[in-house]
Amino acid sequence: MKRYAAIGRMFALLLAASGLNACVGTTTAPQGSPQTLLAAVTKSDVREFWTNDFGRVKRTGGFSAIVPVESAQTLLESIRGKVPAGYVAFVGTTHNLDDPRIKGAELVVAPGQDQFDIVRLAATDAVNHDMTADQIIEELKRWDGQFGIDIWQAETDTVQLKLKSIPEDLPEFSQRLYEFCPDIVDQGVGDIESLQAGIKQEGVIVLWWD
């Protein structure tokens, strides 16, 4: 059952990605602050934390608001150009296992300098494949240097990104992607050819490690 639930979650994330298409702090947030920005864009309560480990670990120093999964990417795009210097914005936890569970996605604004800090802030790892967040980032930086990437979502076991250009040798990249993240084929699209076709059509990649 875990496998099929995970597959369903992966495809729900893919659907959101192809957009091609609660606690409130007691202090008053200054204008232009992350809190004010999140409140204005999401029309939701702003929490003075974001979460790791499927919503079970609260991280302070940044801010988040819960939004519908299906609108999370659109809301993120509306906020990214307005985030104060020294912060990054991203969609964080979407699969919450806290008690009580929270439905929706976290829209997060937290301290960071570049898109790779998103993976660190999300504490993403591939523990079943012996990969840390830093090792994942190392591979993502290689892709960024070769094709350009835009990381927009990260949580405990997942990173979503867009390719800025499609790799010239798509079969070779698809094979490399499979070796890096086998679950997206073995528990996802089924074969490398389908993975390759999806990348070519959408330019969207959902990395997910069971």
N, C-alpha and C. Protein backbone atom coordinates (compact mmCIF):
# COMPACT_ATOMS: atom_id res chain seq x y z
N MET A 1 0.82 -1.20 0.00
CA MET A 1 0.00 0.00 0.00
C MET A 1 0.86 1.26 0.00
N LYS A 2 2.02 1.17 0.76
CA LYS A 2 2.90 2.34 0.81
C LYS A 2 3.35 2.73 -0.58
N ARG A 3 3.68 1.69 -1.40
CA ARG A 3 4.18 1.97 -2.74
C ARG A 3 3.14 2.71 -3.56
N TYR A 4 1.87 2.22 -3.51
CA TYR A 4 0.85 2.85 -4.35
C TYR A 4 0.47 4.23 -3.84
N ALA A 5 0.49 4.41 -2.51
CA ALA A 5 0.23 5.75 -1.98
C ALA A 5 1.32 6.71 -2.42
N ALA A 6 2.56 6.22 -2.42
CA ALA A 6 3.68 7.08 -2.83
C ALA A 6 3.59 7.43 -4.30
N ILE A 7 3.19 6.44 -5.12
CA ILE A 7 3.05 6.71 -6.55
C ILE A 7 1.96 7.76 -6.78
N GLY A 8 0.85 7.61 -6.04
CA GLY A 8 -0.23 8.59 -6.20
C GLY A 8 0.23 9.97 -5.81
N ARG A 9 1.03 10.05 -4.74
CA ARG A 9 1.53 11.35 -4.31
C ARG A 9 2.47 11.94 -5.34
N MET A 10 3.32 11.08 -5.94
CA MET A 10 4.26 11.57 -6.96
C MET A 10 3.51 12.19 -8.13
N PHE A 11 2.45 11.50 -8.58
CA PHE A 11 1.73 12.02 -9.75
C PHE A 11 0.89 13.25 -9.40
N ALA A 12 0.44 13.34 -8.15
CA ALA A 12 -0.24 14.57 -7.72
C ALA A 12 0.72 15.74 -7.77
N LEU A 13 1.97 15.49 -7.35
CA LEU A 13 2.99 16.54 -7.40
C LEU A 13 3.32 16.91 -8.84
N LEU A 14 3.40 15.88 -9.71
CA LEU A 14 3.68 16.16 -11.12
C LEU A 14 2.59 17.03 -11.72
N LEU A 15 1.34 16.73 -11.36
CA LEU A 15 0.22 17.50 -11.90
C LEU A 15 0.34 18.96 -11.46
N ALA A 16 0.69 19.16 -10.19
CA ALA A 16 0.84 20.53 -9.71
C ALA A 16 2.02 21.21 -10.39
N ALA A 17 3.10 20.43 -10.63
CA ALA A 17 4.30 21.03 -11.21
C ALA A 17 4.10 21.46 -12.64
N SER A 18 3.26 20.75 -13.38
CA SER A 18 3.11 21.07 -14.78
C SER A 18 2.12 22.20 -14.96
N GLY A 19 2.12 23.09 -14.07
CA GLY A 19 1.20 24.21 -14.04
C GLY A 19 1.16 24.90 -15.32
N LEU A 20 1.79 24.37 -16.29
CA LEU A 20 1.64 24.78 -17.67
C LEU A 20 0.18 24.81 -17.73
N ASN A 21 1.50 24.82 -17.52
CA ASN A 21 0.45 24.54 -17.38
C ASN A 21 0.66 23.83 -18.33
N ALA A 22 -1.76 25.87 12.96
CA ALA A 22 -1.73 27.24 12.52
C ALA A 22 -1.79 28.21 13.62
N CYS A 23 -0.48 28.70 13.36
CA CYS A 23 -0.31 29.67 14.44
C CYS A 23 0.13 30.99 13.86
N VAL A 24 -0.34 32.08 14.46
CA VAL A 24 0.07 33.39 13.98
C VAL A 24 0.99 34.01 15.01
N GLY A 25 2.09 34.63 14.56
CA GLY A 25 3.01 35.31 15.48
C GLY A 25 2.29 36.45 16.17
N THR A 26 2.67 36.70 17.39
CA THR A 26 1.99 37.76 18.16
C THR A 26 2.58 39.13 17.90
N THR A 27 3.78 39.18 17.30
CA THR A 27 4.38 40.49 17.02
C THR A 27 3.86 41.04 15.71
N THR A 28 3.87 42.35 15.57
CA THR A 28 3.45 43.00 14.34
C THR A 28 4.59 42.99 13.34
N ALA A 29 4.34 42.43 12.16
CA ALA A 29 5.40 42.31 11.16
C ALA A 29 5.58 43.64 10.43
N PRO A 30 6.84 44.07 10.24
CA PRO A 30 7.08 45.31 9.49
C PRO A 30 6.71 45.15 8.02
N GLN A 31 6.39 46.26 7.38
CA GLN A 31 6.07 46.24 5.96
C GLN A 31 7.27 45.72 5.16
N GLY A 32 6.99 44.88 4.16
CA GLY A 32 8.06 44.35 3.33
C GLY A 32 8.74 43.15 3.94
N SER A 33 8.30 42.71 5.12
CA SER A 33 8.89 41.55 5.77
C SER A 33 8.33 40.27 5.16
N PRO A 34 9.01 39.12 5.39
CA PRO A 34 8.47 37.85 4.89
C PRO A 34 7.07 37.56 5.40
N GLN A 35 6.80 37.90 6.67
CA GLN A 35 5.46 37.66 7.22
C GLN A 35 4.39 38.43 6.45
N THR A 36 4.66 39.73 6.24
CA THR A 36 3.68 40.57 5.54
C THR A 36 3.46 40.07 4.12
N LEU A 37 4.55 39.69 3.47
CA LEU A 37 4.46 39.20 2.09
C LEU A 37 3.64 37.92 2.01
N LEU A 38 3.93 36.97 2.89
CA LEU A 38 3.19 35.71 2.90
C LEU A 38 1.71 35.93 3.19
N ALA A 39 1.43 36.79 4.16
CA ALA A 39 0.04 37.05 4.53
C ALA A 39 -0.72 37.68 3.37
N ALA A 40 -0.07 38.63 2.68
CA ALA A 40 -0.73 39.32 1.58
C ALA A 40 -1.01 38.39 0.41
N VAL A 41 -0.07 37.50 0.11
CA VAL A 41 -0.21 36.62 -1.06
C VAL A 41 -1.13 35.44 -0.78
N THR A 42 -1.00 34.84 0.40
CA THR A 42 -1.74 33.61 0.69
C THR A 42 -3.09 33.85 1.31
N LYS A 43 -3.28 35.06 1.91
CA LYS A 43 -4.52 35.35 2.67
C LYS A 43 -4.72 34.30 3.76
N SER A 44 -3.61 33.79 4.30
CA SER A 44 -3.64 32.76 5.33
C SER A 44 -2.83 33.20 6.54
N ASP A 45 -3.03 32.51 7.65
CA ASP A 45 -2.22 32.77 8.83
C ASP A 45 -0.76 32.42 8.53
N VAL A 46 0.15 33.23 9.04
CA VAL A 46 1.58 33.01 8.84
C VAL A 46 2.16 32.37 10.10
N ARG A 47 2.86 31.27 9.93
CA ARG A 47 3.48 30.56 11.04
C ARG A 47 4.95 30.96 11.14
N GLU A 48 5.47 31.07 12.32
CA GLU A 48 6.85 31.50 12.52
C GLU A 48 7.79 30.29 12.52
N PHE A 49 7.57 29.39 11.59
CA PHE A 49 8.40 28.21 11.41
C PHE A 49 8.04 27.57 10.07
N TRP A 50 8.88 26.65 9.62
CA TRP A 50 8.53 25.74 8.54
C TRP A 50 8.89 24.36 9.02
N THR A 51 8.59 23.30 8.27
CA THR A 51 8.78 21.96 8.81
C THR A 51 9.68 21.08 7.95
N ASN A 52 10.29 20.12 8.62
CA ASN A 52 11.03 19.02 8.00
C ASN A 52 10.40 17.70 8.46
N ASP A 53 10.96 16.61 7.97
CA ASP A 53 10.54 15.26 8.39
C ASP A 53 9.02 15.09 8.31
N PHE A 54 8.49 15.35 7.13
CA PHE A 54 7.06 15.18 6.86
C PHE A 54 6.19 15.96 7.85
N GLY A 55 6.63 17.17 8.19
CA GLY A 55 5.83 18.03 9.04
C GLY A 55 6.02 17.82 10.52
N ARG A 56 6.88 16.87 10.91
CA ARG A 56 7.00 16.52 12.33
C ARG A 56 8.06 17.33 13.08
N VAL A 57 8.95 18.01 12.33
CA VAL A 57 10.00 18.81 12.95
C VAL A 57 9.81 20.27 12.55
N LYS A 58 9.68 21.15 13.52
CA LYS A 58 9.50 22.58 13.23
C LYS A 58 10.85 23.28 13.24
N ARG A 59 11.10 24.09 12.21
CA ARG A 59 12.34 24.85 12.07
C ARG A 59 12.04 26.33 12.22
N THR A 60 12.72 27.00 13.12
CA THR A 60 12.49 28.43 13.34
C THR A 60 13.51 29.25 12.57
N GLY A 61 13.21 30.53 12.44
CA GLY A 61 14.09 31.44 11.71
C GLY A 61 13.51 31.84 10.37
N GLY A 62 12.46 31.17 9.94
CA GLY A 62 11.77 31.50 8.71
C GLY A 62 10.27 31.43 8.94
N PHE A 63 9.49 31.49 7.87
CA PHE A 63 8.04 31.60 7.99
C PHE A 63 7.35 30.74 6.94
N SER A 64 6.12 30.35 7.21
CA SER A 64 5.37 29.55 6.25
C SER A 64 3.88 29.79 6.40
N ALA A 65 3.15 29.48 5.35
CA ALA A 65 1.70 29.52 5.37
C ALA A 65 1.19 28.29 4.63
N ILE A 66 0.07 27.77 5.05
CA ILE A 66 -0.51 26.59 4.42
C ILE A 66 -1.45 27.03 3.30
N VAL A 67 -1.23 26.46 2.11
CA VAL A 67 -2.03 26.81 0.94
C VAL A 67 -2.47 25.52 0.25
N PRO A 68 -3.49 25.57 -0.60
CA PRO A 68 -3.88 24.37 -1.35
C PRO A 68 -2.73 23.89 -2.24
N VAL A 69 -2.53 22.58 -2.31
CA VAL A 69 -1.43 22.03 -3.12
C VAL A 69 -1.54 22.49 -4.56
N GLU A 70 -2.75 22.52 -5.09
CA GLU A 70 -2.94 22.82 -6.50
C GLU A 70 -2.61 24.28 -6.86
N SER A 71 -2.59 25.17 -5.87
CA SER A 71 -2.27 26.56 -6.16
C SER A 71 -0.91 26.98 -5.63
N ALA A 72 -0.18 26.05 -5.02
CA ALA A 72 1.07 26.39 -4.36
C ALA A 72 2.11 26.96 -5.32
N GLN A 73 2.25 26.36 -6.49
CA GLN A 73 3.27 26.83 -7.42
C GLN A 73 2.93 28.22 -7.96
N THR A 74 1.67 28.45 -8.24
CA THR A 74 1.26 29.77 -8.73
C THR A 74 1.50 30.84 -7.68
N LEU A 75 1.18 30.54 -6.43
CA LEU A 75 1.42 31.50 -5.35
C LEU A 75 2.91 31.74 -5.17
N LEU A 76 3.70 30.69 -5.30
CA LEU A 76 5.15 30.85 -5.19
C LEU A 76 5.67 31.80 -6.25
N GLU A 77 5.23 31.62 -7.48
CA GLU A 77 5.70 32.46 -8.57
C GLU A 77 5.34 33.93 -8.34
N SER A 78 4.22 34.16 -7.65
CA SER A 78 3.81 35.55 -7.40
C SER A 78 4.62 36.20 -6.29
N ILE A 79 5.31 35.40 -5.50
CA ILE A 79 6.02 35.93 -4.33
C ILE A 79 7.52 36.01 -4.54
N ARG A 80 8.07 35.20 -5.45
CA ARG A 80 9.52 35.04 -5.55
C ARG A 80 10.27 36.34 -5.82
N GLY A 81 9.76 37.16 -6.70
CA GLY A 81 10.46 38.40 -7.02
C GLY A 81 10.36 39.47 -5.96
N LYS A 82 9.59 39.19 -4.90
CA LYS A 82 9.36 40.19 -3.87
C LYS A 82 10.04 39.84 -2.54
N VAL A 83 10.70 38.65 -2.49
CA VAL A 83 11.29 38.22 -1.21
C VAL A 83 12.47 39.09 -0.83
N PRO A 84 12.58 39.47 0.43
CA PRO A 84 13.71 40.29 0.86
C PRO A 84 15.05 39.61 0.58
N ALA A 85 16.09 40.42 0.40
CA ALA A 85 17.44 39.87 0.20
C ALA A 85 17.81 39.00 1.39
N GLY A 86 18.51 37.89 1.10
CA GLY A 86 18.91 36.98 2.17
C GLY A 86 17.87 35.93 2.49
N TYR A 87 16.78 35.88 1.72
CA TYR A 87 15.74 34.87 1.90
C TYR A 87 15.49 34.15 0.57
N VAL A 88 15.01 32.92 0.67
CA VAL A 88 14.54 32.19 -0.51
C VAL A 88 13.11 31.76 -0.25
N ALA A 89 12.33 31.64 -1.32
CA ALA A 89 10.94 31.19 -1.21
C ALA A 89 10.80 29.86 -1.95
N PHE A 90 10.03 28.97 -1.38
CA PHE A 90 9.82 27.66 -2.02
C PHE A 90 8.58 27.00 -1.45
N VAL A 91 8.10 25.98 -2.14
CA VAL A 91 7.04 25.14 -1.61
C VAL A 91 7.71 24.03 -0.82
N GLY A 92 7.33 23.90 0.44
CA GLY A 92 7.96 22.92 1.31
C GLY A 92 7.11 21.67 1.47
N THR A 93 6.83 21.30 2.71
CA THR A 93 6.13 20.05 3.00
C THR A 93 4.74 20.01 2.36
N THR A 94 4.51 18.95 1.60
CA THR A 94 3.17 18.71 1.03
C THR A 94 2.56 17.43 1.57
N HIS A 95 3.39 16.57 2.12
CA HIS A 95 2.94 15.27 2.66
C HIS A 95 3.19 15.28 4.16
N ASN A 96 2.17 15.70 4.91
CA ASN A 96 2.33 15.95 6.34
C ASN A 96 1.89 14.74 7.14
N LEU A 97 2.79 14.28 8.03
CA LEU A 97 2.50 13.12 8.88
C LEU A 97 2.44 13.51 10.36
N ASP A 98 2.37 14.80 10.63
CA ASP A 98 2.29 15.26 12.01
C ASP A 98 0.94 14.85 12.61
N ASP A 99 0.82 14.96 13.91
CA ASP A 99 -0.43 14.65 14.59
C ASP A 99 -0.89 15.87 15.38
N PRO A 100 -1.97 16.53 14.99
CA PRO A 100 -2.85 16.18 13.87
C PRO A 100 -2.24 16.56 12.53
N ARG A 101 -2.63 15.84 11.50
CA ARG A 101 -2.11 16.13 10.17
C ARG A 101 -2.65 17.45 9.64
N ILE A 102 -1.83 18.10 8.84
CA ILE A 102 -2.24 19.34 8.19
C ILE A 102 -2.38 19.08 6.71
N LYS A 103 -3.49 19.44 6.15
CA LYS A 103 -3.72 19.25 4.72
C LYS A 103 -3.30 20.52 3.97
N GLY A 104 -2.62 20.33 2.86
CA GLY A 104 -2.18 21.46 2.06
C GLY A 104 -0.67 21.44 1.91
N ALA A 105 -0.15 22.51 1.35
CA ALA A 105 1.30 22.64 1.12
C ALA A 105 1.81 23.85 1.87
N GLU A 106 3.04 23.77 2.33
CA GLU A 106 3.68 24.92 2.96
C GLU A 106 4.29 25.82 1.90
N LEU A 107 3.97 27.09 1.96
CA LEU A 107 4.69 28.09 1.19
C LEU A 107 5.66 28.73 2.17
N VAL A 108 6.95 28.59 1.89
CA VAL A 108 7.99 28.93 2.87
C VAL A 108 8.82 30.11 2.39
N VAL A 109 9.15 31.01 3.30
CA VAL A 109 10.17 32.03 3.08
C VAL A 109 11.15 31.91 4.25
N ALA A 110 12.40 31.56 3.94
CA ALA A 110 13.38 31.29 4.98
C ALA A 110 14.76 31.79 4.55
N PRO A 111 15.67 31.98 5.49
CA PRO A 111 16.99 32.52 5.14
C PRO A 111 17.76 31.60 4.19
N GLY A 112 18.27 32.19 3.10
CA GLY A 112 19.06 31.44 2.13
C GLY A 112 19.60 32.37 1.07
N GLN A 113 20.62 31.90 0.35
CA GLN A 113 21.28 32.73 -0.65
C GLN A 113 20.97 32.30 -2.08
N ASP A 114 20.66 31.02 -2.30
CA ASP A 114 20.39 30.56 -3.66
C ASP A 114 19.45 29.36 -3.61
N GLN A 115 19.10 28.86 -4.81
CA GLN A 115 18.11 27.79 -4.88
C GLN A 115 18.57 26.49 -4.22
N PHE A 116 19.87 26.29 -4.09
CA PHE A 116 20.37 25.06 -3.49
C PHE A 116 20.15 25.06 -1.98
N ASP A 117 20.03 26.25 -1.40
CA ASP A 117 19.69 26.33 0.02
C ASP A 117 18.28 25.79 0.27
N ILE A 118 17.44 25.76 -0.74
CA ILE A 118 16.09 25.19 -0.58
C ILE A 118 16.19 23.74 -0.14
N VAL A 119 17.08 22.98 -0.76
CA VAL A 119 17.23 21.56 -0.42
C VAL A 119 17.76 21.42 1.01
N ARG A 120 18.67 22.32 1.40
CA ARG A 120 19.19 22.28 2.78
C ARG A 120 18.09 22.64 3.78
N LEU A 121 17.32 23.67 3.47
CA LEU A 121 16.26 24.10 4.38
C LEU A 121 15.18 23.03 4.52
N ALA A 122 14.95 22.29 3.45
CA ALA A 122 13.96 21.21 3.49
C ALA A 122 14.52 19.94 4.12
N ALA A 123 15.86 19.89 4.30
CA ALA A 123 16.54 18.70 4.85
C ALA A 123 16.20 17.46 4.03
N THR A 124 16.21 17.63 2.71
CA THR A 124 15.93 16.50 1.82
C THR A 124 17.10 15.52 1.86
N ASP A 125 16.77 14.23 1.90
CA ASP A 125 17.81 13.23 1.74
C ASP A 125 17.24 12.01 1.03
N ALA A 126 18.14 11.11 0.64
CA ALA A 126 17.73 9.84 0.04
C ALA A 126 18.35 8.75 0.90
N VAL A 127 17.85 8.65 2.12
CA VAL A 127 18.49 7.81 3.12
C VAL A 127 18.56 6.35 2.67
N ASN A 128 17.56 5.88 1.93
CA ASN A 128 17.58 4.49 1.47
C ASN A 128 18.56 4.27 0.33
N HIS A 129 19.12 5.38 -0.19
CA HIS A 129 20.12 5.28 -1.25
C HIS A 129 21.45 5.89 -0.80
N ASP A 130 21.57 6.07 0.52
CA ASP A 130 22.82 6.57 1.12
C ASP A 130 23.27 7.90 0.53
N MET A 131 22.30 8.81 0.35
CA MET A 131 22.63 10.15 -0.14
C MET A 131 22.14 11.21 0.83
N THR A 132 23.02 12.14 1.15
CA THR A 132 22.67 13.26 2.02
C THR A 132 22.17 14.42 1.17
N ALA A 133 21.68 15.46 1.85
CA ALA A 133 21.26 16.67 1.14
C ALA A 133 22.42 17.26 0.35
N ASP A 134 23.61 17.28 0.93
CA ASP A 134 24.77 17.85 0.23
C ASP A 134 25.12 17.06 -1.03
N GLN A 135 24.96 15.75 -1.00
CA GLN A 135 25.24 14.94 -2.18
C GLN A 135 24.19 15.18 -3.27
N ILE A 136 22.95 15.36 -2.85
CA ILE A 136 21.90 15.69 -3.82
C ILE A 136 22.19 17.04 -4.46
N ILE A 137 22.57 18.01 -3.64
CA ILE A 137 22.89 19.34 -4.14
C ILE A 137 24.05 19.30 -5.12
N GLU A 138 25.04 18.49 -4.83
CA GLU A 138 26.20 18.37 -5.73
C GLU A 138 25.78 17.96 -7.14
N GLU A 139 24.86 16.99 -7.23
CA GLU A 139 24.38 16.57 -8.55
C GLU A 139 23.52 17.66 -9.19
N LEU A 140 22.68 18.31 -8.41
CA LEU A 140 21.83 19.38 -8.95
C LEU A 140 22.67 20.54 -9.48
N LYS A 141 23.77 20.83 -8.83
CA LYS A 141 24.65 21.89 -9.31
C LYS A 141 25.26 21.52 -10.67
N ARG A 142 25.56 20.25 -10.86
CA ARG A 142 26.07 19.81 -12.17
C ARG A 142 25.02 20.05 -13.25
N TRP A 143 23.78 19.69 -12.96
CA TRP A 143 22.71 19.92 -13.93
C TRP A 143 22.54 21.41 -14.21
N ASP A 144 22.62 22.20 -13.16
CA ASP A 144 22.44 23.64 -13.33
C ASP A 144 23.52 24.21 -14.24
N GLY A 145 24.74 23.74 -14.10
CA GLY A 145 25.83 24.20 -14.95
C GLY A 145 25.67 23.77 -16.40
N GLN A 146 25.03 22.62 -16.61
CA GLN A 146 24.90 22.08 -17.97
C GLN A 146 23.64 22.55 -18.69
N PHE A 147 22.51 22.56 -17.97
CA PHE A 147 21.22 22.86 -18.64
C PHE A 147 20.51 24.06 -18.03
N GLY A 148 20.85 24.40 -16.79
CA GLY A 148 20.09 25.39 -16.04
C GLY A 148 18.87 24.73 -15.41
N ILE A 149 18.69 24.91 -14.12
CA ILE A 149 17.52 24.34 -13.44
C ILE A 149 16.89 25.39 -12.54
N ASP A 150 15.62 25.18 -12.21
CA ASP A 150 14.89 26.04 -11.29
C ASP A 150 14.23 25.14 -10.25
N ILE A 151 14.81 25.08 -9.04
CA ILE A 151 14.24 24.29 -7.96
C ILE A 151 13.12 25.10 -7.32
N TRP A 152 11.92 24.54 -7.26
CA TRP A 152 10.81 25.30 -6.69
C TRP A 152 10.13 24.60 -5.52
N GLN A 153 10.39 23.31 -5.35
CA GLN A 153 9.76 22.59 -4.23
C GLN A 153 10.74 21.57 -3.67
N ALA A 154 10.77 21.45 -2.34
CA ALA A 154 11.59 20.42 -1.70
C ALA A 154 10.99 20.08 -0.35
N GLU A 155 11.03 18.81 -0.04
CA GLU A 155 10.66 18.34 1.28
C GLU A 155 11.49 17.11 1.61
N THR A 156 11.08 16.34 2.60
CA THR A 156 11.90 15.27 3.16
C THR A 156 12.45 14.30 2.12
N ASP A 157 11.61 13.88 1.18
CA ASP A 157 12.03 12.85 0.23
C ASP A 157 11.86 13.28 -1.23
N THR A 158 11.60 14.55 -1.46
CA THR A 158 11.22 15.00 -2.80
C THR A 158 11.86 16.34 -3.14
N VAL A 159 12.27 16.48 -4.42
CA VAL A 159 12.69 17.77 -4.97
C VAL A 159 12.04 17.92 -6.32
N GLN A 160 11.38 19.05 -6.56
CA GLN A 160 10.79 19.33 -7.87
C GLN A 160 11.53 20.49 -8.51
N LEU A 161 11.75 20.36 -9.80
CA LEU A 161 12.47 21.41 -10.52
C LEU A 161 12.05 21.44 -11.98
N LYS A 162 12.38 22.56 -12.62
CA LYS A 162 12.19 22.70 -14.06
C LYS A 162 13.55 22.82 -14.73
N LEU A 163 13.68 22.23 -15.89
CA LEU A 163 14.89 22.41 -16.69
C LEU A 163 14.74 23.68 -17.52
N LYS A 164 15.78 24.51 -17.54
CA LYS A 164 15.72 25.72 -18.35
C LYS A 164 15.97 25.41 -19.82
N SER A 165 16.67 24.33 -20.10
CA SER A 165 16.83 23.84 -21.47
C SER A 165 16.87 22.32 -21.44
N ILE A 166 16.39 21.69 -22.49
CA ILE A 166 16.36 20.23 -22.56
C ILE A 166 17.75 19.72 -22.95
N PRO A 167 18.30 18.74 -22.23
CA PRO A 167 19.62 18.21 -22.57
C PRO A 167 19.69 17.73 -24.01
N GLU A 168 20.79 18.02 -24.67
CA GLU A 168 20.96 17.59 -26.06
C GLU A 168 20.95 16.08 -26.17
N ASP A 169 21.66 15.41 -25.27
CA ASP A 169 21.66 13.95 -25.25
C ASP A 169 20.66 13.49 -24.20
N LEU A 170 19.39 13.54 -24.56
CA LEU A 170 18.33 13.22 -23.61
C LEU A 170 18.36 11.77 -23.14
N PRO A 171 18.63 10.80 -24.02
CA PRO A 171 18.73 9.42 -23.54
C PRO A 171 19.81 9.24 -22.47
N GLU A 172 20.96 9.87 -22.68
CA GLU A 172 22.05 9.76 -21.70
C GLU A 172 21.65 10.41 -20.37
N PHE A 173 21.01 11.59 -20.45
CA PHE A 173 20.59 12.26 -19.23
C PHE A 173 19.52 11.46 -18.50
N SER A 174 18.59 10.87 -19.25
CA SER A 174 17.53 10.08 -18.62
C SER A 174 18.09 8.87 -17.90
N GLN A 175 19.10 8.24 -18.48
CA GLN A 175 19.75 7.12 -17.82
C GLN A 175 20.46 7.58 -16.54
N ARG A 176 21.13 8.71 -16.64
CA ARG A 176 21.81 9.28 -15.48
C ARG A 176 20.82 9.65 -14.39
N LEU A 177 19.69 10.19 -14.78
CA LEU A 177 18.64 10.56 -13.84
C LEU A 177 18.09 9.31 -13.15
N TYR A 178 17.91 8.24 -13.90
CA TYR A 178 17.41 6.99 -13.32
C TYR A 178 18.40 6.43 -12.30
N GLU A 179 19.68 6.49 -12.60
CA GLU A 179 20.69 5.99 -11.67
C GLU A 179 20.73 6.84 -10.39
N PHE A 180 20.47 8.12 -10.55
CA PHE A 180 20.47 9.04 -9.41
C PHE A 180 19.22 8.88 -8.56
N CYS A 181 18.10 8.62 -9.21
CA CYS A 181 16.82 8.55 -8.50
C CYS A 181 15.96 7.44 -9.11
N PRO A 182 16.28 6.17 -8.84
CA PRO A 182 15.59 5.05 -9.48
C PRO A 182 14.10 4.96 -9.19
N ASP A 183 13.64 5.47 -8.06
CA ASP A 183 12.23 5.33 -7.71
C ASP A 183 11.29 6.03 -8.69
N ILE A 184 11.77 7.09 -9.38
CA ILE A 184 10.87 7.78 -10.30
C ILE A 184 10.53 6.92 -11.51
N VAL A 185 11.34 5.89 -11.75
CA VAL A 185 11.03 4.92 -12.80
C VAL A 185 10.44 3.66 -12.19
N ASP A 186 11.16 3.06 -11.24
CA ASP A 186 10.77 1.76 -10.69
C ASP A 186 9.43 1.81 -9.97
N GLN A 187 9.12 2.92 -9.32
CA GLN A 187 7.83 3.06 -8.65
C GLN A 187 7.01 4.19 -9.26
N GLY A 188 7.41 4.64 -10.44
CA GLY A 188 6.74 5.77 -11.07
C GLY A 188 6.33 5.49 -12.49
N VAL A 189 7.07 6.04 -13.46
CA VAL A 189 6.64 5.99 -14.86
C VAL A 189 6.84 4.63 -15.51
N GLY A 190 7.67 3.76 -14.92
CA GLY A 190 7.75 2.39 -15.40
C GLY A 190 8.96 2.04 -16.24
N ASP A 191 9.42 2.98 -17.08
CA ASP A 191 10.61 2.71 -17.89
C ASP A 191 11.28 4.02 -18.28
N ILE A 192 12.53 3.91 -18.69
CA ILE A 192 13.33 5.10 -18.99
C ILE A 192 12.78 5.84 -20.21
N GLU A 193 12.22 5.10 -21.16
CA GLU A 193 11.66 5.74 -22.35
C GLU A 193 10.52 6.69 -21.97
N SER A 194 9.67 6.26 -21.04
CA SER A 194 8.57 7.13 -20.59
C SER A 194 9.10 8.32 -19.82
N LEU A 195 10.15 8.10 -19.05
CA LEU A 195 10.79 9.20 -18.33
C LEU A 195 11.33 10.23 -19.32
N GLN A 196 12.01 9.74 -20.33
CA GLN A 196 12.59 10.61 -21.36
C GLN A 196 11.51 11.41 -22.07
N ALA A 197 10.42 10.76 -22.42
CA ALA A 197 9.33 11.44 -23.12
C ALA A 197 8.72 12.54 -22.25
N GLY A 198 8.56 12.25 -20.95
CA GLY A 198 7.99 13.25 -20.05
C GLY A 198 8.88 14.47 -19.90
N ILE A 199 10.20 14.23 -19.84
CA ILE A 199 11.13 15.35 -19.72
C ILE A 199 11.09 16.20 -20.99
N LYS A 200 11.07 15.54 -22.13
CA LYS A 200 11.07 16.26 -23.40
C LYS A 200 9.81 17.11 -23.55
N GLN A 201 8.67 16.58 -23.10
CA GLN A 201 7.41 17.28 -23.28
C GLN A 201 7.23 18.42 -22.28
N GLU A 202 7.59 18.18 -21.01
CA GLU A 202 7.27 19.14 -19.95
C GLU A 202 8.47 19.91 -19.43
N GLY A 203 9.68 19.32 -19.51
CA GLY A 203 10.85 19.96 -18.91
C GLY A 203 10.77 20.00 -17.40
N VAL A 204 9.95 19.12 -16.83
CA VAL A 204 9.72 19.08 -15.39
C VAL A 204 10.29 17.78 -14.83
N ILE A 205 10.97 17.86 -13.69
CA ILE A 205 11.52 16.67 -13.05
C ILE A 205 11.06 16.65 -11.60
N VAL A 206 10.53 15.51 -11.18
CA VAL A 206 10.17 15.27 -9.78
C VAL A 206 11.10 14.18 -9.27
N LEU A 207 12.06 14.55 -8.44
CA LEU A 207 12.95 13.59 -7.81
C LEU A 207 12.28 13.10 -6.53
N TRP A 208 12.23 11.80 -6.37
CA TRP A 208 11.52 11.24 -5.22
C TRP A 208 12.18 9.92 -4.83
N TRP A 209 12.57 9.85 -3.56
CA TRP A 209 13.24 8.65 -3.05
C TRP A 209 12.37 8.03 -1.96
N ASP A 210 12.02 6.76 -2.14
CA ASP A 210 11.18 6.05 -1.17
C ASP A 210 12.02 5.74 0.07
